[in-house]
Amino acid sequence: MTSTRTIRVLIVDDHPLLREGVRAVIENQPDLTIVAEAETGEQALDLFDAHRPDIVLMDLQMPGMGGVAAIQALRRADPACRIIVLTTYSGDAQAIRALHAGATGYLLKSSLRKELLDTIRTVHAGGKHLSADVATGIAFHMAEDLLSGREAEVLTLAAAGNSNKQIAGRLNLSEDTIKGYMKVIYAKLGAADRTHAVTIAARRGMIEL
């Protein structure tokens, strides 16, 4: 009887200390049990198939297959899969990508001890959970456009110190086209220059530095 009520959890994170911290929060809970731990998205797919957990706790930044790609793959394998993102990123763009991919919870690692247990139980019961800081960011920027894939690529190259001419060469585009992309990027982000644009985009999770 007890086993049917136990919420079975798969942890996916490449940092051993984070997994240890999650175990410390979960292991003494009578209604929760950790069935497996994965260090990569690829391992997560194999372990999910082997254990069919009720809840997957998913990091976003991992070597190889990242968290968003892993979420998409898990949802294709099992559309009913319940996934909670655990991340250091409060940027609204990261959260939106994860939620679009199929995550039903989004929790900052800094809130683990305070919110993890309630979040697991809420999501397992069919609810959703967003950390307050993330929800505020999404609401604040809801009316704004996210950067397109190409715009994010251009800004990432700019952040690495490339000039418009160098970016054009890397992407096989004209320098005028890159200038046009930069103008659109500034407008979308409300940025005054490329340094300001990079700072805003990185904070919101649109690009990685």
Protein backbone atom coordinates (compact mmCIF):
# COMPACT_ATOMS: atom_id res chain seq x y z
CA MET A 1 0.00 0.00 0.00
CA THR A 2 2.78 2.37 0.94
CA SER A 3 4.72 1.76 -2.28
CA THR A 4 1.81 2.84 -4.45
CA ARG A 5 1.82 6.21 -2.70
CA THR A 6 5.57 6.76 -2.97
CA ILE A 7 6.62 9.42 -5.48
CA ARG A 8 9.57 8.02 -7.42
CA VAL A 9 12.16 10.66 -8.39
CA LEU A 10 14.97 10.75 -10.98
CA ILE A 11 17.66 13.41 -10.42
CA VAL A 12 19.46 14.74 -13.52
CA ASP A 13 22.42 17.04 -12.79
CA ASP A 14 26.13 16.90 -13.60
CA HIS A 15 27.19 18.31 -10.21
CA PRO A 16 27.58 15.65 -7.47
CA LEU A 17 27.14 18.22 -4.70
CA LEU A 18 23.78 19.31 -6.08
CA ARG A 19 22.60 15.71 -6.30
CA GLU A 20 23.81 15.15 -2.74
CA GLY A 21 21.87 18.23 -1.60
CA VAL A 22 18.70 16.99 -3.27
CA ARG A 23 19.14 13.56 -1.67
CA ALA A 24 19.53 15.21 1.73
CA VAL A 25 16.20 17.00 1.30
CA ILE A 26 14.29 13.98 -0.08
CA GLU A 27 15.69 10.88 1.61
CA ASN A 28 13.88 11.22 4.95
CA GLN A 29 10.48 11.86 3.38
CA PRO A 30 8.23 8.78 3.71
CA ASP A 31 6.30 9.57 0.51
CA LEU A 32 9.36 10.20 -1.70
CA THR A 33 12.15 7.98 -2.97
CA ILE A 34 15.06 8.56 -5.38
CA VAL A 35 15.17 5.75 -7.94
CA ALA A 36 18.19 6.90 -9.97
CA GLU A 37 20.64 9.73 -10.69
CA ALA A 38 21.95 10.88 -14.07
CA GLU A 39 24.83 13.21 -14.95
CA THR A 40 23.81 13.92 -18.57
CA GLY A 41 20.71 14.21 -20.70
CA GLU A 42 21.63 10.99 -22.50
CA GLN A 43 21.84 9.09 -19.20
CA ALA A 44 18.51 10.61 -18.16
CA LEU A 45 16.77 9.07 -21.19
CA ASP A 46 18.19 5.61 -20.44
CA LEU A 47 17.38 5.78 -16.72
CA PHE A 48 13.90 7.12 -17.36
CA ASP A 49 13.21 4.19 -19.66
CA ALA A 50 14.55 1.76 -17.06
CA HIS A 51 12.80 3.18 -13.98
CA ARG A 52 9.79 5.18 -15.28
CA PRO A 53 9.93 7.68 -12.37
CA ASP A 54 6.96 9.86 -11.41
CA ILE A 55 9.05 13.04 -11.30
CA VAL A 56 12.25 14.08 -13.11
CA LEU A 57 14.37 16.83 -11.56
CA MET A 58 16.26 18.31 -14.53
CA ASP A 59 19.26 20.63 -14.71
CA LEU A 60 19.46 22.86 -17.80
CA GLN A 61 23.22 23.21 -18.26
CA MET A 62 24.94 19.87 -18.77
CA PRO A 63 27.67 18.50 -21.07
CA GLY A 64 26.33 16.84 -24.20
CA MET A 65 22.55 16.92 -24.40
CA GLY A 66 21.30 19.98 -22.52
CA GLY A 67 18.26 20.12 -20.28
CA VAL A 68 15.82 21.57 -22.80
CA ALA A 69 16.69 18.90 -25.40
CA ALA A 70 16.38 16.20 -22.73
CA ILE A 71 12.96 17.54 -21.68
CA GLN A 72 11.79 17.41 -25.29
CA ALA A 73 13.08 13.85 -25.71
CA LEU A 74 11.46 12.67 -22.45
CA ARG A 75 8.14 14.19 -23.41
CA ARG A 76 8.28 12.45 -26.78
CA ALA A 77 8.96 9.16 -24.99
CA ASP A 78 6.19 9.76 -22.46
CA PRO A 79 3.86 12.76 -22.94
CA ALA A 80 2.66 12.34 -19.34
CA CYS A 81 6.20 12.71 -17.94
CA ARG A 82 6.36 15.31 -15.16
CA ILE A 83 9.58 17.33 -15.19
CA ILE A 84 10.77 19.99 -12.75
CA VAL A 85 13.70 22.15 -13.84
CA LEU A 86 16.36 22.84 -11.21
CA THR A 87 18.59 25.70 -12.31
CA THR A 88 20.68 28.63 -11.21
CA TYR A 89 19.15 30.70 -14.04
CA SER A 90 16.24 32.99 -13.21
CA GLY A 91 16.23 34.45 -16.75
CA ASP A 92 12.78 34.45 -18.27
CA ALA A 93 13.98 33.22 -21.67
CA GLN A 94 15.43 30.06 -20.14
CA ALA A 95 12.21 29.40 -18.26
CA ILE A 96 10.03 29.97 -21.34
CA ARG A 97 12.14 27.54 -23.40
CA ALA A 98 11.93 24.89 -20.67
CA LEU A 99 8.18 25.34 -20.24
CA HIS A 100 7.60 25.22 -23.99
CA ALA A 101 9.64 22.01 -24.08
CA GLY A 102 7.25 20.45 -21.57
CA ALA A 103 8.51 21.18 -18.04
CA THR A 104 5.76 21.56 -15.44
CA GLY A 105 7.90 23.10 -12.72
CA TYR A 106 10.81 25.57 -12.63
CA LEU A 107 12.75 25.90 -9.40
CA LEU A 108 15.91 27.88 -8.64
CA LYS A 109 18.65 25.87 -6.94
CA SER A 110 18.89 28.59 -4.30
CA SER A 111 15.32 27.69 -3.23
CA LEU A 112 15.78 23.92 -2.99
CA ARG A 113 15.53 23.50 0.76
CA LYS A 114 12.56 25.83 1.01
CA GLU A 115 10.49 24.80 -2.02
CA LEU A 116 11.64 21.43 -3.38
CA LEU A 117 9.35 19.09 -1.43
CA ASP A 118 6.20 21.15 -1.98
CA THR A 119 7.07 21.53 -5.67
CA ILE A 120 7.50 17.77 -6.18
CA ARG A 121 4.20 17.02 -4.47
CA THR A 122 2.35 19.79 -6.32
CA VAL A 123 3.62 18.70 -9.74
CA HIS A 124 2.97 15.02 -8.98
CA ALA A 125 -0.62 15.91 -8.10
CA GLY A 126 -1.04 17.53 -11.52
CA GLY A 127 -0.20 21.12 -10.64
CA LYS A 128 2.53 23.46 -11.85
CA HIS A 129 5.14 25.51 -10.05
CA LEU A 130 7.28 28.50 -10.97
CA SER A 131 9.71 30.16 -8.58
CA ALA A 132 8.43 33.63 -7.72
CA ASP A 133 11.44 35.41 -9.25
CA VAL A 134 11.04 33.51 -12.51
CA ALA A 135 7.29 34.10 -12.67
CA THR A 136 7.85 37.82 -12.12
CA GLY A 137 10.42 37.93 -14.92
CA ILE A 138 8.11 36.14 -17.34
CA ALA A 139 5.18 38.42 -16.49
CA PHE A 140 7.31 41.55 -16.80
CA HIS A 141 8.64 40.61 -20.25
CA MET A 142 5.57 38.79 -21.57
CA ALA A 143 4.75 41.45 -24.15
CA GLU A 144 8.32 41.54 -25.48
CA ASP A 145 9.76 39.44 -28.28
CA LEU A 146 12.49 36.94 -27.52
CA LEU A 147 15.54 36.96 -29.76
CA SER A 148 15.32 34.67 -32.77
CA GLY A 149 17.90 31.91 -33.15
CA ARG A 150 19.89 33.97 -35.66
CA GLU A 151 19.73 37.11 -33.51
CA ALA A 152 20.98 35.16 -30.48
CA GLU A 153 23.80 33.74 -32.63
CA VAL A 154 24.82 37.22 -33.80
CA LEU A 155 24.78 38.62 -30.27
CA THR A 156 26.73 35.63 -28.91
CA LEU A 157 29.46 36.27 -31.49
CA ALA A 158 29.41 39.98 -30.58
CA ALA A 159 29.76 39.07 -26.91
CA ALA A 160 32.90 37.10 -27.81
CA GLY A 161 34.46 40.32 -29.11
CA ASN A 162 33.81 39.92 -32.83
CA SER A 163 33.22 43.03 -34.96
CA ASN A 164 30.27 43.25 -37.34
CA LYS A 165 32.66 42.44 -40.20
CA GLN A 166 33.99 39.37 -38.39
CA ILE A 167 30.47 38.18 -37.53
CA ALA A 168 29.47 38.60 -41.17
CA GLY A 169 32.42 36.46 -42.24
CA ARG A 170 31.63 33.75 -39.68
CA LEU A 171 27.98 33.55 -40.74
CA ASN A 172 28.55 34.10 -44.47
CA LEU A 173 26.38 37.21 -44.46
CA SER A 174 26.97 40.82 -45.49
CA GLU A 175 28.15 43.37 -42.95
CA ASP A 176 25.01 45.44 -43.62
CA THR A 177 22.87 42.42 -42.73
CA ILE A 178 24.70 42.09 -39.40
CA LYS A 179 24.18 45.80 -38.71
CA GLY A 180 20.48 45.25 -39.38
CA TYR A 181 20.39 42.35 -36.94
CA MET A 182 22.10 44.47 -34.28
CA LYS A 183 19.54 47.26 -34.68
CA VAL A 184 16.69 44.77 -34.21
CA ILE A 185 18.44 43.27 -31.18
CA TYR A 186 18.87 46.70 -29.57
CA ALA A 187 15.21 47.49 -30.18
CA LYS A 188 13.95 44.19 -28.74
CA LEU A 189 16.10 44.48 -25.63
CA GLY A 190 15.83 48.23 -25.14
CA ALA A 191 19.63 48.38 -25.24
CA ALA A 192 21.79 51.42 -25.97
CA ASP A 193 24.80 49.55 -27.37
CA ARG A 194 26.19 46.05 -27.82
CA THR A 195 27.66 45.82 -24.31
CA HIS A 196 24.28 46.75 -22.85
CA ALA A 197 22.55 44.25 -25.16
CA VAL A 198 24.92 41.44 -24.14
CA THR A 199 24.35 42.21 -20.44
CA ILE A 200 20.56 42.18 -20.79
CA ALA A 201 20.46 39.05 -22.96
CA ALA A 202 22.77 37.11 -20.63
CA ARG A 203 20.76 38.10 -17.55
CA ARG A 204 17.54 36.98 -19.18
CA GLY A 205 19.02 33.68 -20.36
CA MET A 206 18.83 34.48 -24.09
CA ILE A 207 22.54 33.88 -24.64
CA GLU A 208 25.30 32.12 -22.69
CA LEU A 209 28.63 33.81 -22.02
